[in-house]
Each structure stands twice: as structure tokens, then as C-alpha cells.
């Protein structure tokens, strides 16, 4: 079997272990170690080299983990090794799967189409859970109703929201936004941008995710800036401010008019200002709660395990399992150093790929918005953003087909000259 036939499976594997609750039936540790072994086996068959940036990223996180072990003890090792396993999968996936971002977009496009097959009947009142009850994956102590390719979990707050095969609608929205980011960034090289963009956007709308909607507006600004019709300086001076005003207006309208957006944000804000005990697990309260831990250990953090904080706050374990702020949550684990490594690495590789500081800054802003909503840095897909390879530029030594005759350009001369 040709190794190229494995690539669709491998990209699906990385996405699945980054958000599909069905992997819990086999045990998350088993799945992650097994996935790493698959990629290591492929690495032995198809060796790739560490770049200076790759070695620096692994070196910094390894140094942080060693420092955690020195300060807190060896009980942090298991969780820390788990993080390094995920980091290893992220690195090898981006290096071993050709056209990684293109394949990711294609896979999310297919998963979006599949999600509609299950979500639309649910939306119109069809009892899909009864129909597929025999295929439900048996998960212990879980309310997920997953059949691997779809999660038919109960409704959220009385609304039926599309979560695809992921653990919740907000998670599905995050992976869709990432696909749309890649699609917008690389649109000139993707002839299917319109079809894929419409399907991915429709899937995003069906999630009814507050964070997803806000991120989509930031993404729209980036896409508008990268399109050919606003390339000139004069057009940018006119179009982009106008577009920004429209987007800001849309955000204000959404927050005030859409119940699932406005009520959610206002409810969390009021709960946080009152100091409710439950406020520590909403986005705003979680940010303030994490900020307290960051201020206590701002540089190196508290390690990948919450056990280092149990003696100070016995409720940490329960709160961590329900928290969703991945931005401050990552800083709590690996300090401002770890968070800075992620942000600057992603911004740097995006700058290398696009050559645009503007796109890089919007990309960083986009990731911060997404991480504010979910703990995405617990998974390989988002960790892979630090290792994204540069797109291969079109070489002049390429094959062209002209009037049925293959012509090869080499050093400006045609080999098939008469």
C-alpha cells in the first residue's frame, strides 16, 4: 500500500484525538501513546529533521517541566509526559502529512457535511438518539451520545446546537474557525474555496457558539484584507475601516439581539461581579480565577497537573474539570513563558507562510479569541500551530501541458525544443 493512502486517515486521527469523546472508550492515554507510535513508525520510514525553531520549542517546554519537577516534586511527571506526547504528535503530524493545512480543511469540510446529516433531523424534531441507540459508544460516567462520527448529546439551554463529532458545540466551532482561517490564508491556492467556505460557515452558524461568532467576525476582516479587490492602498483606506465599522456594529447587534449571545455574556458578567461560587467556571470568572494563580507563579506556572494547587485550594480539581479558558489556563500550567512560546511561534510561522504582518496579527488575535472559549491547547491540533510548515512555492522547474505536449522549463529553456 502506498504511504500516500494513509494521509487522510492520519489527519482524521489527529482531529479525532483532539476532540472526539469516543476515544474515551479505549482510554485517552492508550489512544495518545498509540497515535504517537504510529507517527514514530512513519517517521522511521520517512525521516524528517528538526529545525532550530522546533528544537527551541521542545527545549523550552522540557526545561519548564524539569523546573516543575524540581519545585513541586516528581508526581508532576505523568501529566507532563502526557503533554510532551501531544506535542510530539503535533510536530510529527505537521512534518509527515503533506499539505497538512489543506488536508485539515478538506477533512473538516467532510465532517461538516456529515454533521448536517444528523443535526438537521434533530433540529426538525426527529429522535435521532432512538434511531442510533444501538450504535452508541459506551462511555463511563459521560452524558455524551456519540456514534464516533457524530455526537447526539442532549440540547443546550433548550436549543439544538450542532457539535459534529466533538465534545460540545463550542469545540466544533473552534475547529471550524481554524479551518476557515487556513482557507482564508491560502485562498489563492484553493480552487474550492467558495464551496468549502460556505459549508464550513454554515456549520459554524449551526453551532450557535458565542466565541465562534466573534472569531468569525475577526476572520472576515482578515479575509477582506487579503482579497484582490482591496490590494491597493486607496481601497484599503476606504474599504477596511468601513468593513471594520460594519463588523463592530454586527457584534453589538448580536450581543444585544441574539438571546444565546447576549444573555450568555451578560449572565456571566453579572454572576462574576456578584462573586457567585459558580462564576469561577464561566469564561469571565474563569479568567479572573486563573489570573490569581498566574500572579502567584507568573514565569513558570504550576505544571500540567492541577495537583500542585490542591493544598492551596481544594476545589481546584472540580473547577479545572469544568473550566474552559484555554488562554489563561495554559499560562497557569506553563507560565507566561509557555504561553509566549505558543503565541510567538504561531505568529512567526504565519509570518513565514504569508509574508504579512497584518495576517499574522489577526491570526494571533483569532487564536486568543478561540482559546478564551475552550481548552484547545490540551490537544494536538492546536499545538501543531507552532510547527506549521511553509507552503512550497511554485518552482520554475515545473511541468506544463500545452497542446497535449509536456514541456519542462529548466533554467529558462524548454527541453522539448525541436
Protein backbone atom coordinates (compact mmCIF):
# COMPACT_ATOMS: atom_id res chain seq x y z
CA UNK A 1 0.00 0.00 0.00
CA UNK A 2 1.29 3.44 -0.91
CA UNK A 3 2.01 5.63 2.09
CA UNK A 4 0.02 8.48 0.49
CA UNK A 5 -3.18 6.49 1.10
CA UNK A 6 -2.57 6.80 4.84
CA UNK A 7 -2.63 10.60 4.89
CA UNK A 8 -6.47 11.05 5.01
CA UNK A 9 -6.61 8.59 7.91
CA UNK A 10 -3.74 10.30 9.74
CA UNK A 11 -5.24 13.79 9.54
CA UNK A 12 -8.59 12.40 10.70
CA UNK A 13 -6.79 10.62 13.55
CA UNK A 14 -5.19 13.85 14.78
CA UNK A 15 -8.54 15.66 14.62
CA UNK A 16 -10.37 12.81 16.36
CA UNK A 17 -7.96 12.57 19.28
CA UNK A 18 -8.21 16.36 19.57
CA UNK A 19 -11.92 16.45 20.27
CA UNK A 20 -13.92 13.27 19.77
CA UNK A 21 -15.19 11.92 23.11
CA UNK A 22 -15.46 8.43 21.58
CA UNK A 23 -11.72 7.91 22.13
CA UNK A 24 -12.51 7.65 25.83
CA UNK A 25 -13.78 4.10 25.35
CA UNK A 26 -10.22 2.95 24.66
CA UNK A 27 -8.64 5.19 27.28
CA UNK A 28 -7.12 8.54 26.36
CA UNK A 29 -3.60 7.55 27.41
CA UNK A 30 -3.74 4.42 25.24
CA UNK A 31 -5.02 6.37 22.26
CA UNK A 32 -2.40 9.12 22.53
CA UNK A 33 0.51 6.73 23.01
CA UNK A 34 -0.76 4.55 20.16
CA UNK A 35 -1.09 7.59 17.89
CA UNK A 36 2.43 8.72 18.74
CA UNK A 37 3.79 5.26 17.94
CA UNK A 38 2.05 5.35 14.56
CA UNK A 39 3.72 8.66 13.74
CA UNK A 40 7.08 7.48 15.05
CA UNK A 41 6.80 4.42 12.80
CA UNK A 42 6.08 6.68 9.84
CA UNK A 43 8.99 8.90 10.90
CA UNK A 44 11.36 5.92 10.78
CA UNK A 45 10.11 5.18 7.28
CA UNK A 46 10.14 8.81 6.16
CA UNK A 47 12.68 10.71 8.31
CA UNK A 48 12.23 14.43 8.94
CA UNK A 49 14.70 16.82 10.51
CA UNK A 50 14.25 19.13 13.47
CA UNK A 51 14.52 22.79 12.61
CA UNK A 52 16.09 25.24 15.02
CA UNK A 53 12.65 26.57 15.94
CA UNK A 54 11.35 23.03 16.61
CA UNK A 55 14.26 22.21 18.90
CA UNK A 56 13.78 25.53 20.71
CA UNK A 57 10.09 24.83 21.37
CA UNK A 58 10.73 21.32 22.70
CA UNK A 59 13.71 22.58 24.68
CA UNK A 60 11.78 25.35 26.43
CA UNK A 61 8.86 23.12 27.40
CA UNK A 62 11.21 20.35 28.57
CA UNK A 63 13.11 22.89 30.68
CA UNK A 64 9.84 24.13 32.17
CA UNK A 65 8.83 20.56 33.05
CA UNK A 66 12.20 19.89 34.69
CA UNK A 67 11.79 23.08 36.68
CA UNK A 68 8.30 21.99 37.77
CA UNK A 69 9.70 18.65 38.92
CA UNK A 70 12.37 20.48 40.92
CA UNK A 71 9.90 22.83 42.60
CA UNK A 72 6.86 20.59 43.05
CA UNK A 73 8.17 17.02 43.01
CA UNK A 74 8.17 14.03 40.67
CA UNK A 75 4.40 13.48 40.92
CA UNK A 76 4.01 16.02 38.10
CA UNK A 77 5.88 13.76 35.66
CA UNK A 78 2.93 11.70 34.36
CA UNK A 79 0.87 14.74 33.33
CA UNK A 80 3.94 16.46 31.90
CA UNK A 81 4.89 13.44 29.80
CA UNK A 82 1.31 13.38 28.55
CA UNK A 83 1.75 16.94 27.33
CA UNK A 84 5.02 16.04 25.58
CA UNK A 85 3.28 13.11 23.86
CA UNK A 86 0.66 15.51 22.47
CA UNK A 87 3.38 17.96 21.46
CA UNK A 88 5.23 15.14 19.68
CA UNK A 89 2.10 14.13 17.77
CA UNK A 90 1.53 17.76 16.77
CA UNK A 91 5.09 18.13 15.48
CA UNK A 92 5.23 14.83 13.57
CA UNK A 93 1.78 15.35 12.04
CA UNK A 94 2.73 18.69 10.50
CA UNK A 95 6.04 17.31 9.20
CA UNK A 96 4.87 13.92 7.92
CA UNK A 97 1.46 14.76 6.40
CA UNK A 98 1.99 16.69 3.15
CA UNK A 99 -0.24 19.74 2.67
CA UNK A 100 -1.26 19.48 6.31
CA UNK A 101 -3.50 22.56 6.40
CA UNK A 102 -5.16 21.75 3.05
CA UNK A 103 -5.97 18.23 4.26
CA UNK A 104 -7.25 19.63 7.53
CA UNK A 105 -9.65 21.97 5.70
CA UNK A 106 -10.85 19.12 3.46
CA UNK A 107 -11.45 16.82 6.42
CA UNK A 108 -13.38 19.48 8.36
CA UNK A 109 -15.43 20.14 5.22
CA UNK A 110 -16.40 16.46 5.05
CA UNK A 111 -17.10 16.33 8.80
CA UNK A 112 -19.32 19.41 8.41
CA UNK A 113 -21.36 17.70 5.70
CA UNK A 114 -21.70 14.61 7.89
CA UNK A 115 -22.79 16.76 10.84
CA UNK A 116 -25.75 18.11 8.85
CA UNK A 117 -26.96 14.55 8.23
CA UNK A 118 -27.53 14.20 11.98
CA UNK A 119 -28.13 17.75 13.14
CA UNK A 120 -30.82 18.78 10.64
CA UNK A 121 -33.18 15.89 11.56
CA UNK A 122 -32.59 16.70 15.25
CA UNK A 123 -33.39 20.34 14.56
CA UNK A 124 -36.70 19.38 12.96
CA UNK A 125 -37.68 17.10 15.82
CA UNK A 126 -36.56 13.66 14.66
CA UNK A 127 -35.49 11.43 17.58
CA UNK A 128 -32.05 10.53 16.23
CA UNK A 129 -30.94 9.16 19.58
CA UNK A 130 -33.51 6.40 19.46
CA UNK A 131 -32.68 5.61 15.85
CA UNK A 132 -28.94 5.26 16.55
CA UNK A 133 -29.12 3.96 20.12
CA UNK A 134 -27.61 0.60 19.07
CA UNK A 135 -24.51 2.38 17.74
CA UNK A 136 -23.88 4.49 20.82
CA UNK A 137 -20.31 4.22 22.12
CA UNK A 138 -20.45 3.11 25.78
CA UNK A 139 -18.65 5.81 27.76
CA UNK A 140 -18.45 5.52 31.55
CA UNK A 141 -19.75 8.49 33.57
CA UNK A 142 -20.50 10.54 30.47
CA UNK A 143 -23.61 12.17 29.06
CA UNK A 144 -22.19 12.14 25.53
CA UNK A 145 -24.27 10.26 22.98
CA UNK A 146 -21.55 9.61 20.44
CA UNK A 147 -21.59 7.27 17.48
CA UNK A 148 -17.99 8.21 16.55
CA UNK A 149 -18.84 10.38 13.54
CA UNK A 150 -21.48 12.39 15.39
CA UNK A 151 -22.26 13.45 18.95
CA UNK A 152 -26.01 13.43 19.60
CA UNK A 153 -25.74 14.80 23.11
CA UNK A 154 -28.82 16.47 24.60
CA UNK A 155 -29.75 20.05 23.77
CA UNK A 156 -28.05 23.06 25.35
CA UNK A 157 -30.31 25.51 27.18
CA UNK A 158 -33.35 24.41 25.21
CA UNK A 159 -31.67 24.91 21.82
CA UNK A 160 -30.45 22.24 19.44
CA UNK A 161 -26.86 23.05 18.56
CA UNK A 162 -24.58 21.28 16.11
CA UNK A 163 -21.49 19.77 17.74
CA UNK A 164 -20.41 17.48 14.91
CA UNK A 165 -18.33 14.66 16.37
CA UNK A 166 -16.79 16.90 19.07
CA UNK A 167 -17.43 17.21 22.80
CA UNK A 168 -19.58 20.34 22.56
CA UNK A 169 -20.75 22.95 20.01
CA UNK A 170 -18.08 25.45 21.07
CA UNK A 171 -15.37 22.89 20.36
CA UNK A 172 -16.79 22.18 16.89
CA UNK A 173 -16.89 25.93 16.27
CA UNK A 174 -13.23 26.27 17.22
CA UNK A 175 -12.07 23.62 14.76
CA UNK A 176 -14.30 25.13 12.06
CA UNK A 177 -12.79 28.59 12.65
CA UNK A 178 -9.32 27.08 12.34
CA UNK A 179 -10.32 25.51 9.01
CA UNK A 180 -11.73 28.83 7.81
CA UNK A 181 -8.52 30.56 8.89
CA UNK A 182 -6.43 28.17 6.78
CA UNK A 183 -8.89 28.55 3.90
CA UNK A 184 -8.76 32.36 4.06
CA UNK A 185 -4.99 32.40 4.43
CA UNK A 186 -4.39 30.08 1.48
CA UNK A 187 -7.39 31.02 -0.67
CA UNK A 188 -5.33 31.79 -3.76
CA UNK A 189 -4.14 28.17 -3.87
CA UNK A 190 -7.52 26.57 -3.24
CA UNK A 191 -9.97 26.38 -6.18
CA UNK A 192 -12.70 25.01 -3.88
CA UNK A 193 -12.69 27.97 -1.51
CA UNK A 194 -16.27 29.06 -2.25
CA UNK A 195 -17.86 25.62 -1.80
CA UNK A 196 -15.81 24.71 1.25
CA UNK A 197 -16.16 28.18 2.77
CA UNK A 198 -19.95 28.14 2.50
CA UNK A 199 -20.26 24.68 4.07
CA UNK A 200 -17.82 25.46 6.88
CA UNK A 201 -19.56 28.79 7.57
CA UNK A 202 -22.99 27.14 7.61
CA UNK A 203 -21.71 24.54 10.06
CA UNK A 204 -20.29 27.32 12.23
CA UNK A 205 -23.65 29.11 12.30
CA UNK A 206 -25.38 25.89 13.36
CA UNK A 207 -23.15 25.62 16.46
CA UNK A 208 -24.64 28.83 17.91
CA UNK A 209 -21.28 29.42 19.59
CA UNK A 210 -20.70 32.88 21.05
CA UNK A 211 -16.93 32.60 20.74
CA UNK A 212 -17.24 31.13 17.25
CA UNK A 213 -19.33 34.06 16.04
CA UNK A 214 -16.93 36.65 17.45
CA UNK A 215 -13.95 34.84 15.94
CA UNK A 216 -15.72 34.64 12.58
CA UNK A 217 -16.04 38.41 12.50
CA UNK A 218 -12.30 38.84 13.11
CA UNK A 219 -11.64 36.24 10.43
CA UNK A 220 -13.86 38.14 7.98
CA UNK A 221 -11.68 41.23 8.41
CA UNK A 222 -8.57 39.21 7.63
CA UNK A 223 -10.15 37.68 4.54
CA UNK A 224 -11.35 41.05 3.28
CA UNK A 225 -7.84 42.45 3.62
CA UNK A 226 -6.32 39.54 1.68
CA UNK A 227 -8.68 39.64 -1.28
CA UNK A 228 -7.51 41.12 -4.58
CA UNK A 229 -10.15 43.84 -4.62
CA UNK A 230 -8.62 45.64 -1.63
CA UNK A 231 -4.98 45.27 -2.57
CA UNK A 232 -4.42 48.92 -3.39
CA UNK A 233 -3.63 51.39 -0.62
CA UNK A 234 -6.54 53.64 -1.60
CA UNK A 235 -9.01 50.75 -1.43
CA UNK A 236 -7.71 49.67 1.98
CA UNK A 237 -8.10 53.21 3.34
CA UNK A 238 -11.75 53.18 2.26
CA UNK A 239 -12.89 49.56 2.46
CA UNK A 240 -11.21 48.25 5.59
CA UNK A 241 -12.42 50.98 8.02
CA UNK A 242 -15.92 50.63 6.57
CA UNK A 243 -15.75 46.86 6.91
CA UNK A 244 -14.48 47.20 10.49
CA UNK A 245 -17.36 49.52 11.42
CA UNK A 246 -19.85 47.05 9.95
CA UNK A 247 -18.27 44.17 11.90
CA UNK A 248 -18.28 46.11 15.17
CA UNK A 249 -21.91 47.05 14.55
CA UNK A 250 -22.74 43.41 13.87
CA UNK A 251 -21.10 42.40 17.15
CA UNK A 252 -23.12 44.99 19.09
CA UNK A 253 -26.35 43.90 17.42
CA UNK A 254 -25.56 40.24 18.04
CA UNK A 255 -24.80 40.81 21.71
CA UNK A 256 -27.99 42.80 22.25
CA UNK A 257 -30.45 40.99 19.99
CA UNK A 258 -29.45 37.32 19.90
CA UNK A 259 -30.55 35.62 23.10
CA UNK A 260 -27.92 32.90 23.10
CA UNK A 261 -25.16 35.51 22.71
CA UNK A 262 -26.37 38.49 24.69
CA UNK A 263 -27.91 36.64 27.63
CA UNK A 264 -24.90 34.36 27.95
CA UNK A 265 -22.39 37.22 28.10
CA UNK A 266 -24.50 39.42 30.39
CA UNK A 267 -25.34 36.47 32.64
CA UNK A 268 -21.69 35.52 33.06
CA UNK A 269 -20.71 39.13 33.74
CA UNK A 270 -23.41 39.58 36.39
CA UNK A 271 -22.52 36.26 38.03
CA UNK A 272 -18.85 37.25 38.17
CA UNK A 273 -19.50 40.72 39.59
CA UNK A 274 -21.72 39.20 42.31
CA UNK A 275 -18.92 36.78 43.19
CA UNK A 276 -21.10 33.67 42.84
CA UNK A 277 -19.33 30.40 43.57
CA UNK A 278 -20.33 29.09 40.14
CA UNK A 279 -18.87 32.14 38.40
CA UNK A 280 -15.38 30.62 38.50
CA UNK A 281 -16.31 28.16 35.75
CA UNK A 282 -17.71 30.69 33.28
CA UNK A 283 -15.42 32.44 30.80
CA UNK A 284 -15.11 35.76 32.62
CA UNK A 285 -14.94 34.35 36.13
CA UNK A 286 -12.53 31.68 34.97
CA UNK A 287 -10.24 34.38 33.58
CA UNK A 288 -10.15 36.18 36.91
CA UNK A 289 -9.67 32.92 38.82
CA UNK A 290 -6.77 31.89 36.57
CA UNK A 291 -5.28 35.36 36.90
CA UNK A 292 -4.89 34.81 40.64
CA UNK A 293 -2.79 31.68 40.00
CA UNK A 294 -0.78 33.37 37.25
CA UNK A 295 0.14 36.23 39.61
CA UNK A 296 1.35 33.69 42.19
CA UNK A 297 3.64 31.95 39.68
CA UNK A 298 3.82 34.11 36.55
CA UNK A 299 7.03 32.82 34.95
CA UNK A 300 6.97 29.00 35.09
CA UNK A 301 3.36 28.29 36.07
CA UNK A 302 2.09 25.35 38.12
CA UNK A 303 2.78 22.39 35.77
CA UNK A 304 0.44 20.31 33.62
CA UNK A 305 -1.28 18.75 36.63
CA UNK A 306 -3.68 20.66 38.91
CA UNK A 307 -2.42 18.61 41.88
CA UNK A 308 0.27 21.23 42.57
CA UNK A 309 -2.53 23.60 43.62
CA UNK A 310 -4.65 21.25 45.73
CA UNK A 311 -3.11 22.27 49.06
CA UNK A 312 -3.85 25.94 48.38
CA UNK A 313 -7.37 25.44 47.01
CA UNK A 314 -9.04 22.01 47.47
CA UNK A 315 -11.70 22.95 44.88
CA UNK A 316 -9.15 23.21 42.06
CA UNK A 317 -9.76 19.67 40.74
CA UNK A 318 -13.50 20.19 40.38
CA UNK A 319 -13.07 23.65 38.87
CA UNK A 320 -10.42 22.57 36.36
CA UNK A 321 -12.67 19.81 35.00
CA UNK A 322 -15.36 22.39 34.23
CA UNK A 323 -13.23 25.34 33.14
CA UNK A 324 -12.93 26.40 29.53
CA UNK A 325 -10.47 29.31 29.31
CA UNK A 326 -7.58 27.81 27.37
CA UNK A 327 -5.64 31.07 27.14
CA UNK A 328 -5.17 31.74 30.83
CA UNK A 329 -5.38 28.01 31.57
CA UNK A 330 -2.24 27.37 29.53
CA UNK A 331 -0.49 30.24 31.31
CA UNK A 332 -1.44 28.69 34.66
CA UNK A 333 0.19 25.42 33.58
CA UNK A 334 3.32 26.67 31.82
CA UNK A 335 3.55 30.29 32.92
CA UNK A 336 3.80 33.33 30.71
CA UNK A 337 6.88 31.70 29.16
CA UNK A 338 4.85 28.77 27.83
CA UNK A 339 2.03 30.98 26.58
CA UNK A 340 4.54 33.32 24.90
CA UNK A 341 6.20 30.35 23.16
CA UNK A 342 2.86 29.34 21.64
CA UNK A 343 1.83 32.85 20.59
CA UNK A 344 5.18 33.89 19.13
CA UNK A 345 5.76 30.52 17.42
CA UNK A 346 2.35 30.65 15.76
CA UNK A 347 2.80 34.30 14.78
CA UNK A 348 6.28 33.57 13.41
CA UNK A 349 5.26 30.60 11.25
CA UNK A 350 2.22 32.53 9.99
CA UNK A 351 4.50 35.41 9.05
CA UNK A 352 6.81 32.98 7.24
CA UNK A 353 3.90 31.43 5.35
CA UNK A 354 2.05 34.60 4.38
CA UNK A 355 4.76 37.27 4.45
CA UNK A 356 2.12 39.52 6.01
CA UNK A 357 2.45 41.04 9.48
CA UNK A 358 -1.23 42.02 9.32
CA UNK A 359 -2.37 38.45 8.69
CA UNK A 360 -0.08 37.20 11.46
CA UNK A 361 -1.52 39.65 13.98
CA UNK A 362 -5.10 38.82 13.01
CA UNK A 363 -4.23 35.13 13.25
CA UNK A 364 -2.84 35.60 16.78
CA UNK A 365 -5.93 37.60 17.75
CA UNK A 366 -8.11 34.84 16.34
CA UNK A 367 -6.32 32.15 18.35
CA UNK A 368 -6.61 34.20 21.54
CA UNK A 369 -10.38 34.56 20.99
CA UNK A 370 -10.76 30.81 20.45
CA UNK A 371 -8.61 29.91 23.43
CA UNK A 372 -10.64 32.23 25.63
CA UNK A 373 -13.55 29.89 24.95
CA UNK A 374 -12.06 26.39 25.14
CA UNK A 375 -9.02 24.46 26.40
CA UNK A 376 -7.82 23.81 22.85
CA UNK A 377 -4.15 23.68 23.83
CA UNK A 378 -4.87 20.39 25.57
CA UNK A 379 -4.96 18.81 22.11
CA UNK A 380 -2.50 18.16 19.24
CA UNK A 381 -4.32 20.12 16.51
CA UNK A 382 -3.87 23.50 18.18
CA UNK A 383 -0.39 22.61 19.43
CA UNK A 384 0.50 21.91 15.78
CA UNK A 385 0.09 25.64 15.04
CA UNK A 386 3.61 26.14 16.42
CA UNK A 387 5.08 23.81 13.78
CA UNK A 388 3.16 24.61 10.60
CA UNK A 389 5.47 24.17 7.58
CA UNK A 390 5.86 26.79 4.90
CA UNK A 391 3.91 26.22 1.71
CA UNK A 392 6.01 25.08 -1.17
CA UNK A 393 6.39 27.87 -3.69
CA UNK A 394 5.74 27.21 -7.31
CA UNK A 395 9.03 26.38 -8.96
CA UNK A 396 10.00 27.41 -12.40
CA UNK A 397 11.19 23.88 -12.94
CA UNK A 398 7.62 22.70 -13.28
CA UNK A 399 5.83 20.59 -15.82
CA UNK A 400 3.37 22.33 -18.10
CA UNK A 401 0.92 20.83 -20.52
CA UNK A 402 0.47 22.73 -23.75
CA UNK A 403 -1.50 21.41 -26.73
CA UNK A 404 -1.18 17.89 -25.39
CA UNK A 405 2.63 18.05 -25.25
CA UNK A 406 4.53 18.03 -21.93
CA UNK A 407 7.04 20.82 -21.69
CA UNK A 408 9.59 21.16 -18.89
CA UNK A 409 11.04 24.53 -18.03
CA UNK A 410 14.62 24.35 -16.81
CA UNK A 411 16.86 27.40 -16.47
CA UNK A 412 14.55 29.31 -18.76
CA UNK A 413 14.89 26.81 -21.64
CA UNK A 414 12.49 24.20 -22.97
CA UNK A 415 13.82 20.71 -23.06
CA UNK A 416 11.48 19.67 -25.88
CA UNK A 417 12.58 22.27 -28.37
CA UNK A 418 12.84 20.97 -31.97
